[in-house]
Protein backbone atom coordinates (compact mmCIF):
# COMPACT_ATOMS: atom_id res chain seq x y z
CA UNK A 1 273.86 143.75 126.27
CA UNK A 2 270.71 142.09 127.53
CA UNK A 3 270.82 139.25 130.07
CA UNK A 4 267.58 137.65 131.17
CA UNK A 5 267.29 134.90 133.74
CA UNK A 6 264.31 132.66 133.01
CA UNK A 7 263.68 130.96 136.34
CA UNK A 8 261.34 127.99 136.76
CA UNK A 9 260.36 127.62 140.41
CA UNK A 10 259.03 124.07 140.17
CA UNK A 11 262.49 122.84 139.17
CA UNK A 12 264.43 125.63 140.93
CA UNK A 13 266.16 126.00 137.55
CA UNK A 14 267.62 129.04 135.81
CA UNK A 15 267.94 129.23 132.04
CA UNK A 16 269.50 132.32 130.45
CA UNK A 17 268.83 134.51 127.42
CA UNK A 18 271.71 136.78 126.37
CA UNK A 19 271.39 139.16 123.42
CA UNK A 20 273.84 141.54 121.73
CA UNK A 21 273.62 143.20 118.32
CA UNK A 22 270.82 140.92 117.19
CA UNK A 23 272.58 137.71 118.20
CA UNK A 24 271.32 135.48 121.03
CA UNK A 25 272.80 132.77 123.23
CA UNK A 26 270.62 130.49 125.33
CA UNK A 27 272.17 128.72 128.31
CA UNK A 28 270.64 125.51 129.72
CA UNK A 29 267.18 125.85 128.12
CA UNK A 30 264.14 123.96 129.37
CA UNK A 31 262.43 121.29 127.26
CA UNK A 32 259.75 123.62 125.91
CA UNK A 33 261.56 126.08 123.65
CA UNK A 34 258.70 128.36 122.59
CA UNK A 35 259.49 131.11 125.16
CA UNK A 36 263.05 131.46 123.81
CA UNK A 37 261.87 131.58 120.21
CA UNK A 38 259.23 134.20 121.02
CA UNK A 39 261.72 136.28 123.02
CA UNK A 40 264.21 136.32 120.13
CA UNK A 41 261.44 137.23 117.69
CA UNK A 42 260.46 140.21 119.84
CA UNK A 43 264.08 141.36 119.77
CA UNK A 44 264.30 140.76 116.01
CA UNK A 45 267.31 138.62 116.87
CA UNK A 46 268.71 135.24 115.84
CA UNK A 47 269.65 132.46 118.26
CA UNK A 48 273.30 131.70 117.46
CA UNK A 49 274.49 129.49 120.32
CA UNK A 50 272.99 127.07 122.81
CA UNK A 51 275.47 126.67 125.65
CA UNK A 52 275.09 123.61 127.87
CA UNK A 53 276.95 123.64 131.18
CA UNK A 54 276.80 119.83 131.52
CA UNK A 55 274.53 116.84 130.97
CA UNK A 56 271.72 117.71 133.34
CA UNK A 57 270.29 115.04 135.63
CA UNK A 58 267.29 116.81 137.13
CA UNK A 59 265.60 117.98 133.92
CA UNK A 60 265.62 117.39 130.18
CA UNK A 61 267.17 120.32 128.39
CA UNK A 62 265.61 121.83 125.28
CA UNK A 63 268.90 122.07 123.39
CA UNK A 64 268.17 119.40 120.77
CA UNK A 65 264.78 120.84 119.80
CA UNK A 66 266.03 124.42 119.91
CA UNK A 67 268.95 123.62 117.62
CA UNK A 68 266.63 121.84 115.21
CA UNK A 69 264.27 124.82 115.03
CA UNK A 70 266.91 127.57 114.80
CA UNK A 71 270.05 126.05 113.32
CA UNK A 72 271.98 127.29 116.36
CA UNK A 73 275.11 125.44 117.41
CA UNK A 74 274.97 123.38 120.60
CA UNK A 75 278.14 123.96 122.62
CA UNK A 76 279.43 121.69 125.39
CA UNK A 77 282.71 121.83 127.24
CA UNK A 78 285.54 119.27 127.13
CA UNK A 79 284.76 115.58 127.71
CA UNK A 80 281.19 115.80 126.41
CA UNK A 81 280.26 112.88 124.14
CA UNK A 82 276.61 113.15 123.06
CA UNK A 83 275.00 111.08 120.32
CA UNK A 84 274.14 114.11 118.15
CA UNK A 85 276.13 116.85 116.45
CA UNK A 86 277.56 119.41 118.84
CA UNK A 87 280.55 121.67 119.13
CA UNK A 88 282.74 120.29 121.91
CA UNK A 89 284.75 123.32 122.96
CA UNK A 90 288.28 123.39 124.30
CA UNK A 91 289.16 124.90 127.65
CA UNK A 92 289.76 128.60 127.06
CA UNK A 93 288.00 128.70 123.67
CA UNK A 94 286.08 131.91 122.96
CA UNK A 95 282.79 132.54 121.19
CA UNK A 96 281.71 135.92 119.85
CA UNK A 97 278.11 137.07 120.35
CA UNK A 98 277.55 140.53 118.90
CA UNK A 99 279.91 142.74 120.92
CA UNK A 100 280.20 140.18 123.71
CA UNK A 101 282.59 137.28 124.23
CA UNK A 102 282.00 133.95 125.97
CA UNK A 103 285.07 132.14 127.28
CA UNK A 104 284.91 128.42 128.09
CA UNK A 105 286.17 127.55 131.57
CA UNK A 106 286.31 123.79 131.98
CA UNK A 107 285.32 123.17 135.62
CA UNK A 108 285.00 119.40 136.20
CA UNK A 109 283.87 118.01 139.54
CA UNK A 110 280.10 117.97 139.51
CA UNK A 111 280.49 116.03 136.27
CA UNK A 112 283.54 115.54 134.08
CA UNK A 113 282.20 117.77 131.30
CA UNK A 114 280.97 120.53 133.64
CA UNK A 115 281.78 123.92 132.17
CA UNK A 116 281.41 127.51 133.33
CA UNK A 117 280.91 130.21 130.70
CA UNK A 118 282.64 133.53 131.41
CA UNK A 119 280.93 136.49 129.74
CA UNK A 120 283.02 139.54 128.82
CA UNK A 121 281.44 142.85 127.85
CA UNK A 122 282.22 144.85 124.73
CA UNK A 123 285.29 146.41 126.39
CA UNK A 124 286.67 142.96 127.24
CA UNK A 125 285.94 143.22 130.98
CA UNK A 126 284.81 140.11 132.84
CA UNK A 127 281.11 140.67 133.53
CA UNK A 128 279.46 137.42 134.62
CA UNK A 129 279.81 133.66 134.90
CA UNK A 130 277.13 131.13 134.05
CA UNK A 131 278.28 128.47 136.46
CA UNK A 132 275.82 125.64 135.85
CA UNK A 133 276.03 123.17 138.73
CA UNK A 134 279.67 123.96 139.50
CA UNK A 135 278.92 126.94 141.75
CA UNK A 136 275.58 127.67 143.35
CA UNK A 137 274.73 130.54 145.65
CA UNK A 138 275.70 129.28 149.11
CA UNK A 139 276.77 125.88 147.85
CA UNK A 140 278.45 123.89 145.08
CA UNK A 141 277.25 121.00 142.93
CA UNK A 142 277.15 117.56 144.51
CA UNK A 143 280.00 115.36 143.27
CA UNK A 144 278.24 111.99 143.46
CA UNK A 145 275.94 112.13 140.43
CA UNK A 146 278.56 111.28 137.80
CA UNK A 147 280.75 108.89 139.76
CA UNK A 148 279.53 105.75 137.93
CA UNK A 149 279.86 107.31 134.51
CA UNK A 150 283.28 108.68 135.36
CA UNK A 151 284.47 105.50 137.12
CA UNK A 152 285.62 107.78 139.92
CA UNK A 153 284.59 108.04 143.54
CA UNK A 154 282.63 111.00 144.78
CA UNK A 155 285.68 111.98 146.81
CA UNK A 156 287.85 112.06 143.68
CA UNK A 157 285.27 114.15 141.86
CA UNK A 158 285.02 116.48 144.86
CA UNK A 159 288.80 116.92 144.66
CA UNK A 160 288.47 117.93 141.00
CA UNK A 161 285.72 120.38 141.96
CA UNK A 162 287.99 121.93 144.58
CA UNK A 163 290.67 122.50 141.94
CA UNK A 164 288.16 123.88 139.43
CA UNK A 165 286.80 126.43 141.87
CA UNK A 166 290.22 127.60 142.99
CA UNK A 167 291.96 127.75 139.61
CA UNK A 168 289.13 128.90 137.34
CA UNK A 169 286.50 130.75 139.38
CA UNK A 170 287.91 132.17 142.62
CA UNK A 171 290.69 134.15 140.81
CA UNK A 172 288.01 136.19 139.01
CA UNK A 173 287.17 139.69 140.24
CA UNK A 174 284.72 140.16 143.09
CA UNK A 175 282.33 142.23 140.96
CA UNK A 176 281.75 139.36 138.52
CA UNK A 177 278.08 138.33 138.64
CA UNK A 178 277.24 134.69 139.33
CA UNK A 179 274.33 133.17 137.41
CA UNK A 180 273.86 129.54 138.62
CA UNK A 181 271.74 126.81 137.06
CA UNK A 182 269.76 126.16 140.25
CA UNK A 183 268.52 127.71 143.46
CA UNK A 184 267.02 126.59 146.75
CA UNK A 185 264.90 123.45 146.43
CA UNK A 186 267.01 121.70 143.81
CA UNK A 187 268.31 118.22 144.59
CA UNK A 188 271.59 119.09 142.83
CA UNK A 189 272.98 120.70 145.98
CA UNK A 190 272.42 120.80 149.74
CA UNK A 191 272.18 124.35 151.11
CA UNK A 192 271.43 126.77 148.31
CA UNK A 193 270.29 130.33 148.94
CA UNK A 194 266.83 131.47 147.94
CA UNK A 195 268.40 134.27 145.86
CA UNK A 196 269.20 133.41 142.25
CA UNK A 197 271.82 136.06 141.38
CA UNK A 198 274.81 137.30 143.38
CA UNK A 199 278.32 138.69 143.05
CA UNK A 200 281.31 136.41 143.23
CA UNK A 201 282.76 138.61 145.96
CA UNK A 202 279.80 137.97 148.22
CA UNK A 203 280.00 134.24 147.54
CA UNK A 204 283.67 134.27 148.49
CA UNK A 205 282.61 135.74 151.83
CA UNK A 206 279.65 133.53 152.69
CA UNK A 207 279.81 130.30 150.64
CA UNK A 208 281.38 127.64 152.85
CA UNK A 209 282.97 125.92 149.85
CA UNK A 210 284.90 129.05 148.82
CA UNK A 211 286.74 129.66 152.09
CA UNK A 212 290.16 131.04 151.25
CA UNK A 213 291.99 128.93 153.83
CA UNK A 214 290.10 125.70 153.09
CA UNK A 215 292.21 122.64 152.38
CA UNK A 216 291.26 120.10 149.74
CA UNK A 217 290.70 117.51 152.47
CA UNK A 218 288.31 119.84 154.32
CA UNK A 219 286.48 120.63 151.10
CA UNK A 220 286.01 116.97 150.18
CA UNK A 221 284.74 116.13 153.65
CA UNK A 222 282.27 119.01 153.84
CA UNK A 223 280.95 118.71 150.27
CA UNK A 224 280.31 114.97 150.56
CA UNK A 225 278.87 115.11 154.07
CA UNK A 226 275.11 114.55 154.34
CA UNK A 227 274.45 113.74 150.70
CA UNK A 228 271.11 111.96 150.34
CA UNK A 229 270.64 109.38 147.57
CA UNK A 230 269.78 111.17 144.31
CA UNK A 231 266.30 110.65 142.84
CA UNK A 232 266.06 107.52 140.69
CA UNK A 233 265.12 109.43 137.54
CA UNK A 234 268.39 111.42 137.46
CA UNK A 235 270.44 108.94 135.38
CA UNK A 236 267.50 108.53 132.98
CA UNK A 237 267.44 112.30 132.37
CA UNK A 238 271.20 112.28 131.78
CA UNK A 239 270.69 109.54 129.17
CA UNK A 240 268.02 111.60 127.38
CA UNK A 241 270.19 114.72 127.43
CA UNK A 242 273.12 112.75 125.95
CA UNK A 243 271.20 110.68 123.39
CA UNK A 244 268.31 112.94 122.39
CA UNK A 245 264.54 112.68 122.77
CA UNK A 246 261.18 113.14 121.08
CA UNK A 247 260.11 116.61 120.05
CA UNK A 248 258.04 118.31 122.76
CA UNK A 249 255.22 118.94 120.27
CA UNK A 250 254.90 115.19 119.62
CA UNK A 251 254.83 114.49 123.35
CA UNK A 252 252.06 117.01 123.93
CA UNK A 253 250.04 115.78 120.96
CA UNK A 254 250.18 112.18 122.25
CA UNK A 255 249.28 113.11 125.81
CA UNK A 256 246.50 115.58 125.02
CA UNK A 257 244.05 112.83 124.04
CA UNK A 258 240.65 113.24 125.69
CA UNK A 259 239.35 109.89 126.98
CA UNK A 260 235.84 109.06 128.13
CA UNK A 261 235.49 107.41 131.52
CA UNK A 262 235.09 104.04 129.83
CA UNK A 263 238.08 104.53 127.52
CA UNK A 264 240.14 105.84 130.42
CA UNK A 265 239.40 102.74 132.51
CA UNK A 266 240.18 100.40 129.61
CA UNK A 267 243.49 102.20 128.94
CA UNK A 268 244.46 101.95 132.61
CA UNK A 269 243.75 98.22 132.70
CA UNK A 270 245.41 97.39 129.38
CA UNK A 271 248.58 99.48 129.73
CA UNK A 272 249.31 99.34 133.45
CA UNK A 273 249.44 103.12 133.42
CA UNK A 274 249.74 105.13 136.62
CA UNK A 275 246.63 107.26 137.11
CA UNK A 276 248.13 110.59 138.13
CA UNK A 277 245.77 113.14 139.68
CA UNK A 278 247.24 116.64 139.49
CA UNK A 279 244.36 118.67 140.94
CA UNK A 280 244.49 120.51 144.28
CA UNK A 281 244.91 118.25 147.31
CA UNK A 282 241.53 119.31 148.73
CA UNK A 283 239.76 118.16 145.56
CA UNK A 284 241.64 114.86 145.59
CA UNK A 285 240.67 114.29 149.23
CA UNK A 286 236.96 114.76 148.44
CA UNK A 287 236.85 112.32 145.52
CA UNK A 288 239.35 110.52 143.32
CA UNK A 289 239.71 107.40 141.21
CA UNK A 290 240.65 104.46 143.45
CA UNK A 291 244.40 103.70 143.55
CA UNK A 292 245.27 106.92 141.72
CA UNK A 293 248.33 108.86 142.84
CA UNK A 294 248.09 112.53 143.77
CA UNK A 295 250.87 114.95 142.85
CA UNK A 296 249.40 118.42 142.45
CA UNK A 297 250.47 120.91 139.81
CA UNK A 298 250.44 123.69 142.42
CA UNK A 299 253.39 122.19 144.32
CA UNK A 300 256.85 120.96 143.30
CA UNK A 301 255.17 118.79 140.73
CA UNK A 302 257.92 117.60 138.38
CA UNK A 303 260.56 116.75 141.03
CA UNK A 304 258.03 114.72 143.03
CA UNK A 305 256.91 112.86 139.92
CA UNK A 306 260.53 112.00 139.23
CA UNK A 307 261.25 110.97 142.79
CA UNK A 308 258.14 108.83 143.29
CA UNK A 309 257.34 107.36 139.88
CA UNK A 310 261.04 107.09 138.96
CA UNK A 311 260.76 105.27 135.59
CA UNK A 312 260.48 107.91 132.86
CA UNK A 313 259.01 105.31 130.49
CA UNK A 314 256.05 104.60 132.79
CA UNK A 315 252.71 105.12 130.96
CA UNK A 316 250.62 107.82 132.65
CA UNK A 317 246.93 108.71 132.51
CA UNK A 318 246.04 112.17 133.80
CA UNK A 319 243.23 113.57 135.90
CA UNK A 320 243.40 117.36 135.77
CA UNK A 321 241.42 120.50 136.30
CA UNK A 322 239.77 121.59 133.06
CA UNK A 323 242.26 123.42 130.87
CA UNK A 324 245.33 122.17 132.74
CA UNK A 325 245.97 119.12 130.54
CA UNK A 326 248.73 120.60 128.37
CA UNK A 327 250.45 122.18 131.36
CA UNK A 328 250.60 118.80 133.09
CA UNK A 329 252.01 117.07 129.99
CA UNK A 330 254.59 119.82 129.48
CA UNK A 331 255.76 119.75 133.07
CA UNK A 332 256.03 115.96 132.99
CA UNK A 333 258.20 116.21 129.89
CA UNK A 334 260.58 118.59 131.65
CA UNK A 335 261.81 115.65 133.70
CA UNK A 336 261.61 113.11 130.89
CA UNK A 337 258.18 111.60 131.50
CA UNK A 338 256.97 111.45 127.92
CA UNK A 339 254.53 108.57 128.42
CA UNK A 340 251.27 110.47 128.96
CA UNK A 341 248.57 108.52 127.09
CA UNK A 342 245.67 110.89 127.60
CA UNK A 343 243.46 112.54 130.18
CA UNK A 344 240.02 111.92 131.68
CA UNK A 345 237.59 114.05 129.69
CA UNK A 346 235.30 115.83 132.13
CA UNK A 347 237.42 114.86 135.12
CA UNK A 348 236.19 113.08 138.23
CA UNK A 349 232.65 114.39 137.71
CA UNK A 350 232.48 112.51 134.41
CA UNK A 351 233.87 109.43 136.15
CA UNK A 352 231.12 109.58 138.77
CA UNK A 353 228.45 110.29 136.16
CA UNK A 354 229.49 107.08 134.41
CA UNK A 355 228.61 105.21 137.61
CA UNK A 356 232.20 104.34 138.46
CA UNK A 357 233.58 104.01 141.98
CA UNK A 358 235.40 106.86 143.71
CA UNK A 359 237.52 106.96 146.83
CA UNK A 360 238.31 109.75 149.30
CA UNK A 361 240.83 110.70 151.99
CA UNK A 362 239.61 111.65 155.43
CA UNK A 363 241.15 115.01 156.27
CA UNK A 364 240.69 116.91 159.54
CA UNK A 365 241.76 120.29 160.85
CA UNK A 366 244.68 120.72 163.23
CA UNK A 367 242.20 121.68 165.96
CA UNK A 368 240.34 118.39 165.50
CA UNK A 369 243.66 116.54 165.44
CA UNK A 370 244.59 118.14 168.76
CA UNK A 371 241.58 116.52 170.43
CA UNK A 372 242.87 113.05 169.51
CA UNK A 373 246.40 113.45 170.85
CA UNK A 374 245.44 112.64 174.44
CA UNK A 375 244.66 109.12 173.19
CA UNK A 376 248.30 108.68 172.11
CA UNK A 377 247.34 108.05 168.49
CA UNK A 378 250.10 107.15 166.00
CA UNK A 379 251.34 110.23 164.10
CA UNK A 380 253.51 110.06 160.98
CA UNK A 381 255.49 113.04 159.74
CA UNK A 382 256.40 112.80 156.04
CA UNK A 383 258.66 115.85 155.89
CA UNK A 384 262.42 115.64 155.39
CA UNK A 385 264.59 114.49 158.26
CA UNK A 386 266.11 117.98 158.61
CA UNK A 387 262.64 119.49 159.02
CA UNK A 388 261.70 116.81 161.52
CA UNK A 389 264.89 117.33 163.53
CA UNK A 390 264.23 121.06 163.82
CA UNK A 391 260.71 120.61 165.24
CA UNK A 392 258.07 117.91 165.26
CA UNK A 393 254.97 116.73 167.09
CA UNK A 394 255.89 114.93 170.29
CA UNK A 395 256.17 111.13 169.81
CA UNK A 396 255.69 111.45 166.05
CA UNK A 397 257.27 108.89 163.71
CA UNK A 398 259.38 110.05 160.78
CA UNK A 399 258.54 108.59 157.35
CA UNK A 400 259.96 111.00 154.72
CA UNK A 401 257.91 111.09 151.54
CA UNK A 402 261.04 110.55 149.43
CA UNK A 403 261.53 107.16 151.09
CA UNK A 404 257.95 106.28 151.99
CA UNK A 405 258.19 102.79 150.52
CA UNK A 406 260.94 101.98 153.01
CA UNK A 407 258.52 102.64 155.88
CA UNK A 408 255.41 100.75 154.71
CA UNK A 409 255.75 98.03 157.34
CA UNK A 410 255.75 100.65 160.11
CA UNK A 411 252.19 101.82 159.52
CA UNK A 412 249.53 100.19 161.73
CA UNK A 413 247.48 97.53 159.99
CA UNK A 414 244.15 98.36 161.66
CA UNK A 415 244.58 101.23 164.11
CA UNK A 416 243.78 104.70 162.77
CA UNK A 417 246.90 106.83 162.29
CA UNK A 418 247.47 110.46 161.31
CA UNK A 419 249.70 111.84 158.57
CA UNK A 420 251.01 115.37 158.13
CA UNK A 421 253.73 117.35 156.36
CA UNK A 422 254.57 121.07 156.42
CA UNK A 423 251.52 122.49 154.68
CA UNK A 424 249.32 119.65 153.40
CA UNK A 425 250.75 118.96 149.94
CA UNK A 426 253.20 116.15 150.70
CA UNK A 427 250.93 114.43 153.20
CA UNK A 428 248.22 114.09 150.55
CA UNK A 429 250.78 112.56 148.18
CA UNK A 430 251.72 110.15 150.96
CA UNK A 431 248.06 109.35 151.65
CA UNK A 432 247.46 108.55 147.99
CA UNK A 433 250.48 106.23 147.86
CA UNK A 434 249.46 104.44 151.06
CA UNK A 435 245.90 103.98 149.83
CA UNK A 436 247.18 102.64 146.52
CA UNK A 437 249.07 100.04 148.60
CA UNK A 438 245.87 99.03 150.39
CA UNK A 439 246.49 101.07 153.56
CA UNK A 440 243.26 102.97 154.20
CA UNK A 441 243.21 103.49 157.98
CA UNK A 442 244.76 106.95 157.77
CA UNK A 443 243.67 110.52 158.43
CA UNK A 444 245.34 113.54 156.86
CA UNK A 445 245.98 116.64 158.98
CA UNK A 446 244.99 119.56 156.75
CA UNK A 447 247.41 122.47 156.73
CA UNK A 448 250.26 120.36 158.05
CA UNK A 449 252.83 121.42 160.61
CA UNK A 450 252.09 125.11 160.14
CA UNK A 451 248.48 124.56 161.20
CA UNK A 452 249.58 122.20 163.99
CA UNK A 453 251.78 124.88 165.57
CA UNK A 454 249.08 127.50 165.15
CA UNK A 455 246.67 125.21 167.01
CA UNK A 456 249.05 125.13 169.98
CA UNK A 457 249.88 121.45 169.74
CA UNK A 458 253.08 120.62 171.70
CA UNK A 459 256.20 120.16 169.55
CA UNK A 460 259.77 119.17 170.31
CA UNK A 461 263.19 119.69 168.72
CA UNK A 462 264.54 116.30 169.82
CA UNK A 463 266.83 115.40 166.92
CA UNK A 464 266.66 111.59 166.83
CA UNK A 465 263.73 110.45 164.66
CA UNK A 466 261.53 107.79 166.20
CA UNK A 467 260.32 104.75 164.32
CA UNK A 468 257.77 102.12 165.14
CA UNK A 469 259.06 98.76 166.31
């Protein structure tokens, strides 16, 4: 038996490769299927099953392409109703993989079709569960994402989740290994652990949602408390996962079109494409195409694209480091953004060489920022509210990047203001969005809150975020 977790940090997502006696099962694959095909080839094995735990909202699964290329059966649990051929399993149905057995445990609550796959070893002993978004490490799946599709309230779905956990998962032995679909950083839960594998016994001890004496009412209240609105692209990804999508190779071929500066400008004007700059934030600050949006590949690229651009059908033109074009297109496709039209050949240097205008973002060190604080300058913190509540610069204003558009009227029209995040990545995204909206009187604090604390700038843990009046 060989179990391999293939973890993608940008999405905080775990896919799984399980092999026995030359037969392979893939669980919740990513959009680009080449790594699974190559892994099976190295093992001289054949992919037999593609198990999907549910219709994913935060990424586009690779199940359709993988089935097309291998002939493997796509398996969903009860209540699944996709637009393509799949095997919709019954609760309790078993699937043989070499000497191993997968048992379907229907665990609705996160979504109505949510399913956990119980893996039994060759002796028939329960070995592991692949719990999808039903059970995370330290948390459980949020019950609000499917409420419209299910015509149920999030409280009703949370009640189903409570029953699923207590009738299907908690009765399993403590030594059963838990392999979840996501880890810390995913928007599919609230308080996930940074670890990506654990025992069920340990989760029973430390996961708040698995308390033995917890009532259903307590569970519903705690699971639904503090849920932030899901990113706007989530239902669009669900639609793609249910109805199918273009082959990843076609998406890459379309997007990997090299455009001269002139052709790039014409394409931007004619299509209304977003110019997306994915270089490092320092390079963007020095010079970028006016009104372009920065979301760097070296951060949580795909989730921020989904949260801030939202419409997966939006045409996109790319500005990348040389050789990073295909990576950018691939990572966009993971969250359903298949509309890349091409990239700027030669990058910003070619743009400048063509005599075209560039813009920049003024960025200063935390030490230089400290010298301005005595003048009571406006400071905007674009971190999450939880980060802000823990510690923030005294008298700072909270404007979380996720909801930046809701705060546009709060930024001074003429007075210079300062923007920071935790480390410099999110604040540069915010700066690019503000500048694209015509707000240019900003200064970025390089290095973010980490550099601010290191510089000895006074901070406070006052929990109520301040806003400009």
